[in-house]
Every structure is written in C-alpha cells, then in structure tokens.
Amino acid sequence: MARSQHARTDLKARLARLRLWVRHRVRPGWRAVVGVLLICGGVLGFLPVLGFWMIPLGIAVAALDLRPLWRRWRARAGRRRR
C-alpha cells in the first residue's frame, strides 16, 4: 500500500474512533452545539491554535444529531466508496 493511502486509511480510522467517542460521551443536545463551535473555530483556521481541520470534524459531530444531515453525509460517503 502506498504511503499516502496508508495515511488516509489511518486518518479515517482515527476519525471513526473520535466520532464513536463523541457519540457515547457527549449528550445528544450538546453534539450540535459542539459541532457548530468546531465549525466556527475552523473558520478561524489561520490562527496558530485553530485549524481548518475543525470544519469537517464539526460537520461530522453536528451530523450525529441532525438526521437529514446525517443521511445526506452517509449517502455521499457511500457514493465515494464505489
């Protein structure tokens, strides 16, 4: 496996573990709030502590609470795998 593919697979595994951790540890009402805060922090990604990586993570966390967004995200991920 090429190095970039291995890094991509490792990143996907880490994000999946983080998503499961958030699903089990953060209460349902707060997941949307945490997701929006991550997205807002990602917009300020040019600052040293914050990063643009926070935007997709915020969308994934918010999608755990918002059913329509979750369905759309899963359908899009399924299309990429084919």
N, C-alpha and C. Protein backbone atom coordinates (compact mmCIF):
# COMPACT_ATOMS: atom_id res chain seq x y z
N MET A 1 0.85 -1.17 0.00
CA MET A 1 0.00 0.00 0.00
C MET A 1 0.90 1.23 0.00
N ALA A 2 0.55 2.20 -0.79
CA ALA A 2 1.34 3.43 -0.87
C ALA A 2 1.22 4.20 0.44
N ARG A 3 2.22 5.00 0.69
CA ARG A 3 2.27 5.75 1.95
C ARG A 3 1.06 6.67 2.11
N SER A 4 0.66 7.35 1.04
CA SER A 4 -0.48 8.26 1.14
C SER A 4 -1.77 7.51 1.41
N GLN A 5 -1.92 6.31 0.82
CA GLN A 5 -3.12 5.51 1.09
C GLN A 5 -3.15 5.03 2.52
N HIS A 6 -1.98 4.66 3.05
CA HIS A 6 -1.91 4.22 4.44
C HIS A 6 -2.26 5.38 5.38
N ALA A 7 -1.76 6.57 5.09
CA ALA A 7 -2.06 7.74 5.91
C ALA A 7 -3.54 8.06 5.86
N ARG A 8 -4.15 7.93 4.69
CA ARG A 8 -5.57 8.21 4.53
C ARG A 8 -6.39 7.20 5.32
N THR A 9 -6.01 5.93 5.26
CA THR A 9 -6.72 4.90 6.00
C THR A 9 -6.59 5.12 7.50
N ASP A 10 -5.40 5.50 7.94
CA ASP A 10 -5.16 5.78 9.35
C ASP A 10 -6.00 6.96 9.82
N LEU A 11 -6.10 8.00 9.00
CA LEU A 11 -6.90 9.16 9.33
C LEU A 11 -8.37 8.80 9.43
N LYS A 12 -8.87 7.99 8.50
CA LYS A 12 -10.27 7.57 8.55
C LYS A 12 -10.55 6.77 9.81
N ALA A 13 -9.63 5.90 10.20
CA ALA A 13 -9.81 5.10 11.41
C ALA A 13 -9.83 5.99 12.65
N ARG A 14 -8.96 6.97 12.69
CA ARG A 14 -8.94 7.89 13.84
C ARG A 14 -10.21 8.70 13.92
N LEU A 15 -10.69 9.20 12.78
CA LEU A 15 -11.93 9.97 12.78
C LEU A 15 -13.12 9.11 13.18
N ALA A 16 -13.13 7.86 12.76
CA ALA A 16 -14.22 6.95 13.15
C ALA A 16 -14.21 6.71 14.66
N ARG A 17 -13.03 6.50 15.23
CA ARG A 17 -12.94 6.32 16.69
C ARG A 17 -13.37 7.59 17.42
N LEU A 18 -12.97 8.76 16.92
CA LEU A 18 -13.35 10.02 17.55
C LEU A 18 -14.86 10.22 17.48
N ARG A 19 -15.46 9.88 16.34
CA ARG A 19 -16.90 10.02 16.18
C ARG A 19 -17.64 9.10 17.16
N LEU A 20 -17.17 7.88 17.33
CA LEU A 20 -17.79 6.97 18.30
C LEU A 20 -17.63 7.49 19.72
N TRP A 21 -16.47 8.04 20.04
CA TRP A 21 -16.24 8.60 21.37
C TRP A 21 -17.22 9.73 21.64
N VAL A 22 -17.38 10.62 20.66
CA VAL A 22 -18.31 11.74 20.82
C VAL A 22 -19.73 11.24 20.96
N ARG A 23 -20.09 10.23 20.17
CA ARG A 23 -21.46 9.70 20.24
C ARG A 23 -21.77 9.13 21.62
N HIS A 24 -20.80 8.51 22.27
CA HIS A 24 -21.03 7.90 23.57
C HIS A 24 -20.84 8.85 24.74
N ARG A 25 -19.99 9.85 24.60
CA ARG A 25 -19.65 10.72 25.73
C ARG A 25 -20.40 12.04 25.78
N VAL A 26 -20.79 12.58 24.65
CA VAL A 26 -21.44 13.89 24.62
C VAL A 26 -22.94 13.68 24.49
N ARG A 27 -23.70 14.38 25.31
CA ARG A 27 -25.16 14.24 25.29
C ARG A 27 -25.72 14.72 23.96
N PRO A 28 -26.85 14.14 23.54
CA PRO A 28 -27.40 14.47 22.22
C PRO A 28 -27.65 15.95 21.97
N GLY A 29 -28.15 16.69 22.90
CA GLY A 29 -28.40 18.12 22.68
C GLY A 29 -27.13 18.93 22.51
N TRP A 30 -26.07 18.47 23.11
CA TRP A 30 -24.81 19.22 23.06
C TRP A 30 -23.97 18.91 21.83
N ARG A 31 -24.24 17.81 21.16
CA ARG A 31 -23.43 17.46 19.98
C ARG A 31 -23.56 18.50 18.88
N ALA A 32 -24.75 19.01 18.66
CA ALA A 32 -24.94 20.04 17.64
C ALA A 32 -24.20 21.32 18.03
N VAL A 33 -24.24 21.65 19.32
CA VAL A 33 -23.54 22.85 19.80
C VAL A 33 -22.03 22.68 19.63
N VAL A 34 -21.51 21.52 20.00
CA VAL A 34 -20.08 21.26 19.85
C VAL A 34 -19.69 21.30 18.38
N GLY A 35 -20.53 20.75 17.51
CA GLY A 35 -20.27 20.77 16.08
C GLY A 35 -20.20 22.19 15.53
N VAL A 36 -21.14 23.03 15.94
CA VAL A 36 -21.14 24.43 15.48
C VAL A 36 -19.91 25.17 16.01
N LEU A 37 -19.53 24.91 17.25
CA LEU A 37 -18.33 25.54 17.79
C LEU A 37 -17.07 25.11 17.05
N LEU A 38 -17.00 23.83 16.69
CA LEU A 38 -15.85 23.36 15.91
C LEU A 38 -15.81 24.02 14.53
N ILE A 39 -16.97 24.16 13.91
CA ILE A 39 -17.02 24.82 12.60
C ILE A 39 -16.59 26.27 12.71
N CYS A 40 -17.07 26.97 13.74
CA CYS A 40 -16.67 28.37 13.95
C CYS A 40 -15.18 28.48 14.21
N GLY A 41 -14.62 27.55 14.97
CA GLY A 41 -13.18 27.55 15.20
C GLY A 41 -12.41 27.25 13.93
N GLY A 42 -12.98 26.43 13.07
CA GLY A 42 -12.32 26.12 11.80
C GLY A 42 -12.28 27.31 10.86
N VAL A 43 -13.28 28.16 10.94
CA VAL A 43 -13.29 29.37 10.11
C VAL A 43 -12.11 30.26 10.48
N LEU A 44 -11.71 30.21 11.72
CA LEU A 44 -10.55 30.98 12.19
C LEU A 44 -9.28 30.14 12.10
N GLY A 45 -9.22 29.25 11.14
CA GLY A 45 -8.12 28.31 10.98
C GLY A 45 -6.78 28.93 10.69
N PHE A 46 -6.75 30.19 10.32
CA PHE A 46 -5.48 30.83 10.04
C PHE A 46 -4.73 31.17 11.33
N LEU A 47 -5.41 31.09 12.46
CA LEU A 47 -4.75 31.33 13.75
C LEU A 47 -3.92 30.11 14.13
N PRO A 48 -2.88 30.30 14.94
CA PRO A 48 -1.95 29.19 15.23
C PRO A 48 -2.58 27.97 15.93
N VAL A 49 -3.48 28.16 16.86
CA VAL A 49 -4.02 27.03 17.63
C VAL A 49 -5.14 26.33 16.88
N LEU A 50 -5.95 27.10 16.18
CA LEU A 50 -7.09 26.54 15.47
C LEU A 50 -6.66 26.07 14.09
N GLY A 51 -7.45 25.25 13.47
CA GLY A 51 -7.09 24.76 12.15
C GLY A 51 -8.31 24.52 11.29
N PHE A 52 -8.08 24.46 9.99
CA PHE A 52 -9.17 24.21 9.05
C PHE A 52 -9.70 22.79 9.17
N TRP A 53 -8.97 21.90 9.84
CA TRP A 53 -9.41 20.52 10.06
C TRP A 53 -10.66 20.49 10.94
N MET A 54 -10.93 21.57 11.65
CA MET A 54 -12.07 21.60 12.57
C MET A 54 -13.40 21.68 11.82
N ILE A 55 -13.39 22.17 10.59
CA ILE A 55 -14.64 22.31 9.83
C ILE A 55 -15.26 20.95 9.51
N PRO A 56 -14.54 20.01 8.87
CA PRO A 56 -15.18 18.72 8.60
C PRO A 56 -15.50 17.93 9.88
N LEU A 57 -14.68 18.09 10.90
CA LEU A 57 -14.96 17.41 12.16
C LEU A 57 -16.23 17.98 12.79
N GLY A 58 -16.40 19.29 12.73
CA GLY A 58 -17.61 19.92 13.25
C GLY A 58 -18.85 19.47 12.51
N ILE A 59 -18.74 19.32 11.20
CA ILE A 59 -19.87 18.85 10.40
C ILE A 59 -20.22 17.41 10.79
N ALA A 60 -19.20 16.58 10.99
CA ALA A 60 -19.44 15.18 11.37
C ALA A 60 -20.09 15.09 12.75
N VAL A 61 -19.63 15.90 13.69
CA VAL A 61 -20.20 15.87 15.04
C VAL A 61 -21.64 16.39 15.02
N ALA A 62 -21.89 17.48 14.31
CA ALA A 62 -23.25 18.02 14.23
C ALA A 62 -24.17 17.04 13.51
N ALA A 63 -23.64 16.29 12.56
CA ALA A 63 -24.46 15.34 11.81
C ALA A 63 -24.95 14.20 12.68
N LEU A 64 -24.29 13.95 13.80
CA LEU A 64 -24.75 12.89 14.70
C LEU A 64 -26.12 13.22 15.28
N ASP A 65 -26.45 14.51 15.41
CA ASP A 65 -27.72 14.93 15.97
C ASP A 65 -28.76 15.27 14.92
N LEU A 66 -28.32 15.71 13.79
CA LEU A 66 -29.25 16.18 12.78
C LEU A 66 -29.50 15.09 11.75
N ARG A 67 -30.64 14.41 11.84
CA ARG A 67 -30.94 13.26 10.99
C ARG A 67 -30.80 13.54 9.49
N PRO A 68 -31.39 14.59 8.95
CA PRO A 68 -31.28 14.80 7.50
C PRO A 68 -29.83 15.00 7.06
N LEU A 69 -29.07 15.73 7.84
CA LEU A 69 -27.67 15.94 7.51
C LEU A 69 -26.90 14.63 7.59
N TRP A 70 -27.22 13.81 8.58
CA TRP A 70 -26.56 12.51 8.74
C TRP A 70 -26.85 11.59 7.55
N ARG A 71 -28.10 11.56 7.11
CA ARG A 71 -28.46 10.72 5.96
C ARG A 71 -27.75 11.18 4.69
N ARG A 72 -27.70 12.48 4.48
CA ARG A 72 -27.03 13.02 3.29
C ARG A 72 -25.55 12.70 3.33
N TRP A 73 -24.93 12.82 4.51
CA TRP A 73 -23.49 12.56 4.65
C TRP A 73 -23.19 11.09 4.39
N ARG A 74 -24.04 10.20 4.90
CA ARG A 74 -23.82 8.77 4.68
C ARG A 74 -24.02 8.38 3.22
N ALA A 75 -25.01 8.99 2.56
CA ALA A 75 -25.25 8.70 1.15
C ALA A 75 -24.05 9.17 0.31
N ARG A 76 -23.51 10.30 0.64
CA ARG A 76 -22.36 10.82 -0.09
C ARG A 76 -21.14 9.94 0.14
N ALA A 77 -20.94 9.47 1.37
CA ALA A 77 -19.81 8.58 1.67
C ALA A 77 -19.96 7.26 0.95
N GLY A 78 -21.19 6.77 0.81
CA GLY A 78 -21.43 5.52 0.09
C GLY A 78 -21.13 5.64 -1.39
N ARG A 79 -21.41 6.80 -1.97
CA ARG A 79 -21.11 7.02 -3.39
C ARG A 79 -19.62 7.07 -3.64
N ARG A 80 -18.85 7.56 -2.71
CA ARG A 80 -17.39 7.65 -2.88
C ARG A 80 -16.74 6.28 -2.89
N ARG A 81 -17.27 5.34 -2.14
CA ARG A 81 -16.67 4.02 -2.00
C ARG A 81 -16.78 3.21 -3.27
N ARG A 82 -17.75 3.50 -4.10
CA ARG A 82 -17.96 2.70 -5.32
C ARG A 82 -16.96 3.02 -6.36
